[in-house]
Amino acid sequence: MIMPIEGAENPAPRLVVVISGRGRNLQAIIQAIESGDLNAQIELVISNRSDAPGMQIARMAGLNCVCIEPKGFKRRDDFDRAMGARIAAARPDWVVLAGYMRILSSAFVQRFDGKLVNIHPSLLPRYKGLNTHERVLSNGDTRHGASVHFVTPDLDDGPLIRQASIAVADDDTPETLADRLMADVEQRLYPAALGDLIAGTVRFYDGVVWRDGQIQEHCPHDDYDSIATT
């Protein structure tokens, strides 16, 4: 398991990472911790799917893993309470949604208010919800990106922490664009944004994002171009 240095006066902040799928952003966070680029420890990886490939990534890294599937509950509220209780038991400093594919209830969000973050594959506020890559291509956008944001009860509507983008290629398909966005943007952006939070550079209170002690008027936006448009 990735653990803080024994005897350290200030143990690394505790993360709970919540996934539903392949776990590629989880892998990026693990690598950032192992390389020393991110001062954190992953206390728990939790999924709503027992067959999520990302759980194998977590197990191979020696992390604590838990699966709580919604089919075991009669009501959504009961499932959300069970998930919330297990997350809270891990005493996280940050709850990190990394490809979690269920809409969260207001009660769940409020339980972790101010410490719940998500990465979304679009340049928010554009393209909230699903099928972002298809929508970028159908609208003829020249750039596509990802956003890390605080989670609020409204879907993909929380205040932004960081964004980054790449150029859209003329021959891109939704699949190629999604894969390149993950490799070139998301897996770099999420550890960087978590680093901002852990360092205290970014804070969220009174409904406002503060960066370096001042109200953030514009979130940082990086260009991660790896291709040239034709």
C-alpha atoms as a PDB file:
ATOM      1  CA  MET A   1       0.000   0.000   0.000  1.00  0.00           C
ATOM      2  CA  ILE A   2       1.154   3.549  -0.669  1.00  0.00           C
ATOM      3  CA  MET A   3       1.748   4.916   2.818  1.00  0.00           C
ATOM      4  CA  PRO A   4       3.170   8.076   4.388  1.00  0.00           C
ATOM      5  CA  ILE A   5       6.687   8.003   5.762  1.00  0.00           C
ATOM      6  CA  GLU A   6       6.667   6.372   9.176  1.00  0.00           C
ATOM      7  CA  GLY A   7       7.175   8.864  11.953  1.00  0.00           C
ATOM      8  CA  ALA A   8       6.510  11.882   9.767  1.00  0.00           C
ATOM      9  CA  GLU A   9       5.152  14.811  11.755  1.00  0.00           C
ATOM     10  CA  ASN A  10       2.633  15.725   9.077  1.00  0.00           C
ATOM     11  CA  PRO A  11       1.212  12.609   7.428  1.00  0.00           C
ATOM     12  CA  ALA A  12       0.288  12.947   3.793  1.00  0.00           C
ATOM     13  CA  PRO A  13      -3.315  13.977   3.075  1.00  0.00           C
ATOM     14  CA  ARG A  14      -5.686  11.055   2.702  1.00  0.00           C
ATOM     15  CA  LEU A  15      -7.477  10.409  -0.584  1.00  0.00           C
ATOM     16  CA  VAL A  16     -10.441   8.175  -1.305  1.00  0.00           C
ATOM     17  CA  VAL A  17     -10.639   7.516  -5.046  1.00  0.00           C
ATOM     18  CA  VAL A  18     -14.022   6.522  -6.480  1.00  0.00           C
ATOM     19  CA  ILE A  19     -14.140   4.725  -9.837  1.00  0.00           C
ATOM     20  CA  SER A  20     -16.444   2.836 -12.180  1.00  0.00           C
ATOM     21  CA  GLY A  21     -14.211   1.859 -15.078  1.00  0.00           C
ATOM     22  CA  ARG A  22     -10.678   1.375 -16.351  1.00  0.00           C
ATOM     23  CA  GLY A  23      -8.942   3.389 -13.656  1.00  0.00           C
ATOM     24  CA  ARG A  24      -6.583   5.344 -15.895  1.00  0.00           C
ATOM     25  CA  ASN A  25      -6.823   8.510 -13.815  1.00  0.00           C
ATOM     26  CA  LEU A  26      -6.377   6.389 -10.699  1.00  0.00           C
ATOM     27  CA  GLN A  27      -3.187   5.023 -12.273  1.00  0.00           C
ATOM     28  CA  ALA A  28      -1.947   8.561 -12.929  1.00  0.00           C
ATOM     29  CA  ILE A  29      -2.574   9.550  -9.315  1.00  0.00           C
ATOM     30  CA  ILE A  30      -0.765   6.438  -8.048  1.00  0.00           C
ATOM     31  CA  GLN A  31       2.227   7.217 -10.271  1.00  0.00           C
ATOM     32  CA  ALA A  32       2.318  10.849  -9.149  1.00  0.00           C
ATOM     33  CA  ILE A  33       2.394   9.740  -5.506  1.00  0.00           C
ATOM     34  CA  GLU A  34       5.055   7.103  -6.116  1.00  0.00           C
ATOM     35  CA  SER A  35       7.265   9.583  -7.993  1.00  0.00           C
ATOM     36  CA  GLY A  36       6.997  12.138  -5.209  1.00  0.00           C
ATOM     37  CA  ASP A  37       5.162  14.649  -7.387  1.00  0.00           C
ATOM     38  CA  LEU A  38       2.001  14.420  -5.272  1.00  0.00           C
ATOM     39  CA  ASN A  39       2.148  14.480  -1.482  1.00  0.00           C
ATOM     40  CA  ALA A  40      -0.791  12.207  -0.700  1.00  0.00           C
ATOM     41  CA  GLN A  41      -1.761   8.703   0.310  1.00  0.00           C
ATOM     42  CA  ILE A  42      -4.640   6.736  -1.167  1.00  0.00           C
ATOM     43  CA  GLU A  43      -6.495   5.368   1.816  1.00  0.00           C
ATOM     44  CA  LEU A  44      -9.230   3.606  -0.172  1.00  0.00           C
ATOM     45  CA  VAL A  45     -10.356   2.865  -3.706  1.00  0.00           C
ATOM     46  CA  ILE A  46     -14.089   2.283  -3.927  1.00  0.00           C
ATOM     47  CA  SER A  47     -16.202   1.265  -6.908  1.00  0.00           C
ATOM     48  CA  ASN A  48     -19.838   0.669  -7.736  1.00  0.00           C
ATOM     49  CA  ARG A  49     -18.823  -2.128 -10.119  1.00  0.00           C
ATOM     50  CA  SER A  50     -17.109  -5.349  -9.085  1.00  0.00           C
ATOM     51  CA  ASP A  51     -15.877  -5.846 -12.657  1.00  0.00           C
ATOM     52  CA  ALA A  52     -14.284  -2.388 -12.972  1.00  0.00           C
ATOM     53  CA  PRO A  53     -10.785  -2.952 -14.432  1.00  0.00           C
ATOM     54  CA  GLY A  54      -9.484  -0.139 -12.265  1.00  0.00           C
ATOM     55  CA  MET A  55      -9.936  -2.291  -9.199  1.00  0.00           C
ATOM     56  CA  GLN A  56      -7.187  -4.565 -10.455  1.00  0.00           C
ATOM     57  CA  ILE A  57      -4.900  -1.542 -10.790  1.00  0.00           C
ATOM     58  CA  ALA A  58      -5.677  -0.673  -7.177  1.00  0.00           C
ATOM     59  CA  ARG A  59      -5.042  -4.214  -5.958  1.00  0.00           C
ATOM     60  CA  MET A  60      -1.727  -4.431  -7.815  1.00  0.00           C
ATOM     61  CA  ALA A  61      -0.682  -1.201  -6.085  1.00  0.00           C
ATOM     62  CA  GLY A  62      -1.517  -2.775  -2.722  1.00  0.00           C
ATOM     63  CA  LEU A  63      -4.358  -0.383  -1.975  1.00  0.00           C
ATOM     64  CA  ASN A  64      -7.426  -1.035   0.134  1.00  0.00           C
ATOM     65  CA  CYS A  65     -10.347  -1.755  -2.213  1.00  0.00           C
ATOM     66  CA  VAL A  66     -14.080  -1.955  -1.634  1.00  0.00           C
ATOM     67  CA  CYS A  67     -16.934  -2.584  -4.059  1.00  0.00           C
ATOM     68  CA  ILE A  68     -20.472  -1.548  -3.179  1.00  0.00           C
ATOM     69  CA  GLU A  69     -22.901  -2.317  -6.003  1.00  0.00           C
ATOM     70  CA  PRO A  70     -26.271  -0.569  -6.305  1.00  0.00           C
ATOM     71  CA  LYS A  71     -28.045  -3.831  -7.158  1.00  0.00           C
ATOM     72  CA  GLY A  72     -27.707  -4.794  -3.504  1.00  0.00           C
ATOM     73  CA  PHE A  73     -29.992  -1.961  -2.434  1.00  0.00           C
ATOM     74  CA  LYS A  74     -33.684  -1.379  -2.991  1.00  0.00           C
ATOM     75  CA  ARG A  75     -33.406   2.400  -3.006  1.00  0.00           C
ATOM     76  CA  ARG A  76     -30.857   4.818  -4.374  1.00  0.00           C
ATOM     77  CA  ASP A  77     -30.756   6.678  -1.070  1.00  0.00           C
ATOM     78  CA  ASP A  78     -29.741   3.497   0.741  1.00  0.00           C
ATOM     79  CA  PHE A  79     -26.916   2.902  -1.723  1.00  0.00           C
ATOM     80  CA  ASP A  80     -25.681   6.470  -1.415  1.00  0.00           C
ATOM     81  CA  ARG A  81     -25.724   6.239   2.370  1.00  0.00           C
ATOM     82  CA  ALA A  82     -23.737   3.009   2.296  1.00  0.00           C
ATOM     83  CA  MET A  83     -21.165   4.491  -0.086  1.00  0.00           C
ATOM     84  CA  GLY A  84     -20.971   7.647   1.973  1.00  0.00           C
ATOM     85  CA  ALA A  85     -20.523   5.769   5.233  1.00  0.00           C
ATOM     86  CA  ARG A  86     -17.681   3.665   3.844  1.00  0.00           C
ATOM     87  CA  ILE A  87     -15.949   6.721   2.410  1.00  0.00           C
ATOM     88  CA  ALA A  88     -16.368   8.673   5.649  1.00  0.00           C
ATOM     89  CA  ALA A  89     -14.898   5.762   7.636  1.00  0.00           C
ATOM     90  CA  ALA A  90     -11.650   6.249   5.702  1.00  0.00           C
ATOM     91  CA  ARG A  91     -11.455   9.829   7.041  1.00  0.00           C
ATOM     92  CA  PRO A  92     -10.509  11.368   3.700  1.00  0.00           C
ATOM     93  CA  ASP A  93      -9.129  14.846   3.237  1.00  0.00           C
ATOM     94  CA  TRP A  94     -10.309  14.642  -0.381  1.00  0.00           C
ATOM     95  CA  VAL A  95     -12.812  12.421  -2.162  1.00  0.00           C
ATOM     96  CA  VAL A  96     -11.613  12.026  -5.741  1.00  0.00           C
ATOM     97  CA  LEU A  97     -14.085  10.980  -8.431  1.00  0.00           C
ATOM     98  CA  ALA A  98     -12.056   9.370 -11.209  1.00  0.00           C
ATOM     99  CA  GLY A  99     -14.456   8.052 -13.811  1.00  0.00           C
ATOM    100  CA  TYR A 100     -17.351   7.440 -11.442  1.00  0.00           C
ATOM    101  CA  MET A 101     -20.365   6.991 -13.713  1.00  0.00           C
ATOM    102  CA  ARG A 102     -23.300   7.525 -11.368  1.00  0.00           C
ATOM    103  CA  ILE A 103     -25.067  10.793 -10.647  1.00  0.00           C
ATOM    104  CA  LEU A 104     -24.597  11.699  -6.998  1.00  0.00           C
ATOM    105  CA  SER A 105     -27.504  12.629  -4.768  1.00  0.00           C
ATOM    106  CA  SER A 106     -27.590  16.036  -3.102  1.00  0.00           C
ATOM    107  CA  ALA A 107     -27.279  14.392   0.298  1.00  0.00           C
ATOM    108  CA  PHE A 108     -24.106  12.571  -0.748  1.00  0.00           C
ATOM    109  CA  VAL A 109     -22.572  15.737  -2.180  1.00  0.00           C
ATOM    110  CA  GLN A 110     -23.430  17.760   0.898  1.00  0.00           C
ATOM    111  CA  ARG A 111     -21.902  15.130   3.162  1.00  0.00           C
ATOM    112  CA  PHE A 112     -18.497  15.783   1.572  1.00  0.00           C
ATOM    113  CA  ASP A 113     -19.024  19.443   0.784  1.00  0.00           C
ATOM    114  CA  GLY A 114     -15.797  21.240  -0.073  1.00  0.00           C
ATOM    115  CA  LYS A 115     -13.688  18.091  -0.331  1.00  0.00           C
ATOM    116  CA  LEU A 116     -15.381  16.304  -3.263  1.00  0.00           C
ATOM    117  CA  VAL A 117     -13.693  16.776  -6.659  1.00  0.00           C
ATOM    118  CA  ASN A 118     -14.225  15.410 -10.155  1.00  0.00           C
ATOM    119  CA  ILE A 119     -12.614  15.410 -13.584  1.00  0.00           C
ATOM    120  CA  HIS A 120     -14.878  15.879 -16.601  1.00  0.00           C
ATOM    121  CA  PRO A 121     -13.831  15.392 -20.243  1.00  0.00           C
ATOM    122  CA  SER A 122     -14.795  18.792 -21.603  1.00  0.00           C
ATOM    123  CA  LEU A 123     -13.964  22.436 -21.229  1.00  0.00           C
ATOM    124  CA  LEU A 124     -16.730  23.236 -18.794  1.00  0.00           C
ATOM    125  CA  PRO A 125     -19.207  24.868 -18.850  1.00  0.00           C
ATOM    126  CA  ARG A 126     -19.383  23.410 -22.380  1.00  0.00           C
ATOM    127  CA  TYR A 127     -20.671  19.853 -22.800  1.00  0.00           C
ATOM    128  CA  LYS A 128     -21.875  18.810 -19.389  1.00  0.00           C
ATOM    129  CA  GLY A 129     -22.980  15.196 -19.130  1.00  0.00           C
ATOM    130  CA  LEU A 130     -22.158  12.329 -21.487  1.00  0.00           C
ATOM    131  CA  ASN A 131     -20.839  11.926 -25.052  1.00  0.00           C
ATOM    132  CA  THR A 132     -18.552  14.929 -24.857  1.00  0.00           C
ATOM    133  CA  HIS A 133     -16.155  13.721 -27.558  1.00  0.00           C
ATOM    134  CA  GLU A 134     -18.954  13.149 -30.058  1.00  0.00           C
ATOM    135  CA  ARG A 135     -20.391  16.568 -29.307  1.00  0.00           C
ATOM    136  CA  VAL A 136     -17.029  18.275 -29.806  1.00  0.00           C
ATOM    137  CA  LEU A 137     -16.622  16.660 -33.217  1.00  0.00           C
ATOM    138  CA  SER A 138     -20.188  17.245 -34.357  1.00  0.00           C
ATOM    139  CA  ASN A 139     -19.885  20.936 -33.496  1.00  0.00           C
ATOM    140  CA  GLY A 140     -16.582  21.300 -35.341  1.00  0.00           C
ATOM    141  CA  ASP A 141     -14.607  22.485 -32.322  1.00  0.00           C
ATOM    142  CA  THR A 142     -10.893  22.955 -32.902  1.00  0.00           C
ATOM    143  CA  ARG A 143      -9.932  22.240 -29.281  1.00  0.00           C
ATOM    144  CA  HIS A 144     -11.076  19.740 -26.693  1.00  0.00           C
ATOM    145  CA  GLY A 145     -10.109  19.465 -23.065  1.00  0.00           C
ATOM    146  CA  ALA A 146     -10.828  18.412 -19.528  1.00  0.00           C
ATOM    147  CA  SER A 147     -11.805  20.203 -16.341  1.00  0.00           C
ATOM    148  CA  VAL A 148     -11.195  19.437 -12.671  1.00  0.00           C
ATOM    149  CA  HIS A 149     -13.889  20.949 -10.494  1.00  0.00           C
ATOM    150  CA  PHE A 150     -15.432  20.879  -7.063  1.00  0.00           C
ATOM    151  CA  VAL A 151     -18.619  18.824  -7.018  1.00  0.00           C
ATOM    152  CA  THR A 152     -21.943  20.479  -6.246  1.00  0.00           C
ATOM    153  CA  PRO A 153     -25.457  18.996  -6.449  1.00  0.00           C
ATOM    154  CA  ASP A 154     -25.889  20.201 -10.047  1.00  0.00           C
ATOM    155  CA  LEU A 155     -24.311  17.891 -12.638  1.00  0.00           C
ATOM    156  CA  ASP A 156     -20.854  19.024 -13.817  1.00  0.00           C
ATOM    157  CA  ASP A 157     -21.586  22.516 -12.538  1.00  0.00           C
ATOM    158  CA  GLY A 158     -19.159  22.982  -9.649  1.00  0.00           C
ATOM    159  CA  PRO A 159     -16.483  25.700  -9.521  1.00  0.00           C
ATOM    160  CA  LEU A 160     -13.417  24.997 -11.638  1.00  0.00           C
ATOM    161  CA  ILE A 161      -9.961  24.209 -10.260  1.00  0.00           C
ATOM    162  CA  ARG A 162      -7.945  23.623 -13.448  1.00  0.00           C
ATOM    163  CA  GLN A 163      -8.477  23.042 -17.165  1.00  0.00           C
ATOM    164  CA  ALA A 164      -6.273  21.907 -20.043  1.00  0.00           C
ATOM    165  CA  SER A 165      -6.819  21.253 -23.742  1.00  0.00           C
ATOM    166  CA  ILE A 166      -5.408  19.793 -26.932  1.00  0.00           C
ATOM    167  CA  ALA A 167      -6.069  20.464 -30.612  1.00  0.00           C
ATOM    168  CA  VAL A 168      -8.667  18.365 -32.396  1.00  0.00           C
ATOM    169  CA  ALA A 169      -7.244  16.584 -35.453  1.00  0.00           C
ATOM    170  CA  ASP A 170      -9.079  16.591 -38.775  1.00  0.00           C
ATOM    171  CA  ASP A 171      -9.254  12.787 -38.788  1.00  0.00           C
ATOM    172  CA  ASP A 172     -10.239  12.348 -35.151  1.00  0.00           C
ATOM    173  CA  THR A 173     -12.998   9.943 -34.195  1.00  0.00           C
ATOM    174  CA  PRO A 174     -14.677   9.967 -30.791  1.00  0.00           C
ATOM    175  CA  GLU A 175     -12.471   7.021 -29.831  1.00  0.00           C
ATOM    176  CA  THR A 176      -9.140   8.537 -30.903  1.00  0.00           C
ATOM    177  CA  LEU A 177     -10.023  11.875 -29.375  1.00  0.00           C
ATOM    178  CA  ALA A 178     -11.067  10.257 -26.084  1.00  0.00           C
ATOM    179  CA  ASP A 179      -7.873   8.200 -25.878  1.00  0.00           C
ATOM    180  CA  ARG A 180      -5.614  11.144 -26.631  1.00  0.00           C
ATOM    181  CA  LEU A 181      -7.468  13.385 -24.202  1.00  0.00           C
ATOM    182  CA  MET A 182      -7.006  10.807 -21.462  1.00  0.00           C
ATOM    183  CA  ALA A 183      -3.303  10.248 -22.136  1.00  0.00           C
ATOM    184  CA  ASP A 184      -2.263  13.815 -22.928  1.00  0.00           C
ATOM    185  CA  VAL A 185      -4.577  15.853 -20.714  1.00  0.00           C
ATOM    186  CA  GLU A 186      -6.523  14.047 -17.999  1.00  0.00           C
ATOM    187  CA  GLN A 187      -3.672  11.968 -16.608  1.00  0.00           C
ATOM    188  CA  ARG A 188      -1.521  15.101 -16.293  1.00  0.00           C
ATOM    189  CA  LEU A 189      -4.257  17.505 -15.228  1.00  0.00           C
ATOM    190  CA  TYR A 190      -5.762  15.573 -12.317  1.00  0.00           C
ATOM    191  CA  PRO A 191      -2.543  15.120 -10.310  1.00  0.00           C
ATOM    192  CA  ALA A 192      -1.696  18.794 -10.917  1.00  0.00           C
ATOM    193  CA  ALA A 193      -5.094  19.940  -9.655  1.00  0.00           C
ATOM    194  CA  LEU A 194      -4.891  17.664  -6.618  1.00  0.00           C
ATOM    195  CA  GLY A 195      -1.473  19.152  -5.935  1.00  0.00           C
ATOM    196  CA  ASP A 196      -3.053  22.614  -5.841  1.00  0.00           C
ATOM    197  CA  LEU A 197      -5.586  21.426  -3.283  1.00  0.00           C
ATOM    198  CA  ILE A 198      -3.111  19.565  -1.103  1.00  0.00           C
ATOM    199  CA  ALA A 199      -0.661  22.473  -1.078  1.00  0.00           C
ATOM    200  CA  GLY A 200      -3.457  24.833  -0.035  1.00  0.00           C
ATOM    201  CA  THR A 201      -2.982  26.912  -3.175  1.00  0.00           C
ATOM    202  CA  VAL A 202      -6.673  26.424  -3.946  1.00  0.00           C
ATOM    203  CA  ARG A 203      -9.482  26.488  -1.383  1.00  0.00           C
ATOM    204  CA  PHE A 204     -13.258  26.387  -1.686  1.00  0.00           C
ATOM    205  CA  TYR A 205     -15.393  28.122   0.917  1.00  0.00           C
ATOM    206  CA  ASP A 206     -18.347  30.463   1.020  1.00  0.00           C
ATOM    207  CA  GLY A 207     -19.249  29.084  -2.402  1.00  0.00           C
ATOM    208  CA  VAL A 208     -16.141  30.628  -3.960  1.00  0.00           C
ATOM    209  CA  VAL A 209     -12.793  29.250  -5.161  1.00  0.00           C
ATOM    210  CA  TRP A 210      -9.791  31.030  -3.712  1.00  0.00           C
ATOM    211  CA  ARG A 211      -6.339  30.738  -5.307  1.00  0.00           C
ATOM    212  CA  ASP A 212      -3.248  32.078  -3.571  1.00  0.00           C
ATOM    213  CA  GLY A 213      -5.417  33.892  -1.052  1.00  0.00           C
ATOM    214  CA  GLN A 214      -7.522  35.734  -3.614  1.00  0.00           C
ATOM    215  CA  ILE A 215     -10.842  34.977  -5.264  1.00  0.00           C
ATOM    216  CA  GLN A 216     -10.108  33.039  -8.445  1.00  0.00           C
ATOM    217  CA  GLU A 217     -11.541  34.989 -11.350  1.00  0.00           C
ATOM    218  CA  HIS A 218     -10.243  32.653 -14.058  1.00  0.00           C
ATOM    219  CA  CYS A 219      -9.077  29.097 -13.523  1.00  0.00           C
ATOM    220  CA  PRO A 220      -5.675  28.145 -14.992  1.00  0.00           C
ATOM    221  CA  HIS A 221      -5.856  26.735 -18.515  1.00  0.00           C
ATOM    222  CA  ASP A 222      -2.928  24.823 -20.034  1.00  0.00           C
ATOM    223  CA  ASP A 223      -2.473  23.749 -23.653  1.00  0.00           C
ATOM    224  CA  TYR A 224      -1.133  20.212 -23.938  1.00  0.00           C
ATOM    225  CA  ASP A 225      -0.728  19.937 -27.694  1.00  0.00           C
ATOM    226  CA  SER A 226       0.860  16.736 -28.964  1.00  0.00           C
ATOM    227  CA  ILE A 227      -0.356  16.938 -32.562  1.00  0.00           C
ATOM    228  CA  ALA A 228      -0.456  19.510 -35.313  1.00  0.00           C
ATOM    229  CA  THR A 229      -3.710  20.253 -37.085  1.00  0.00           C
ATOM    230  CA  THR A 230      -3.719  19.961 -40.863  1.00  0.00           C
END
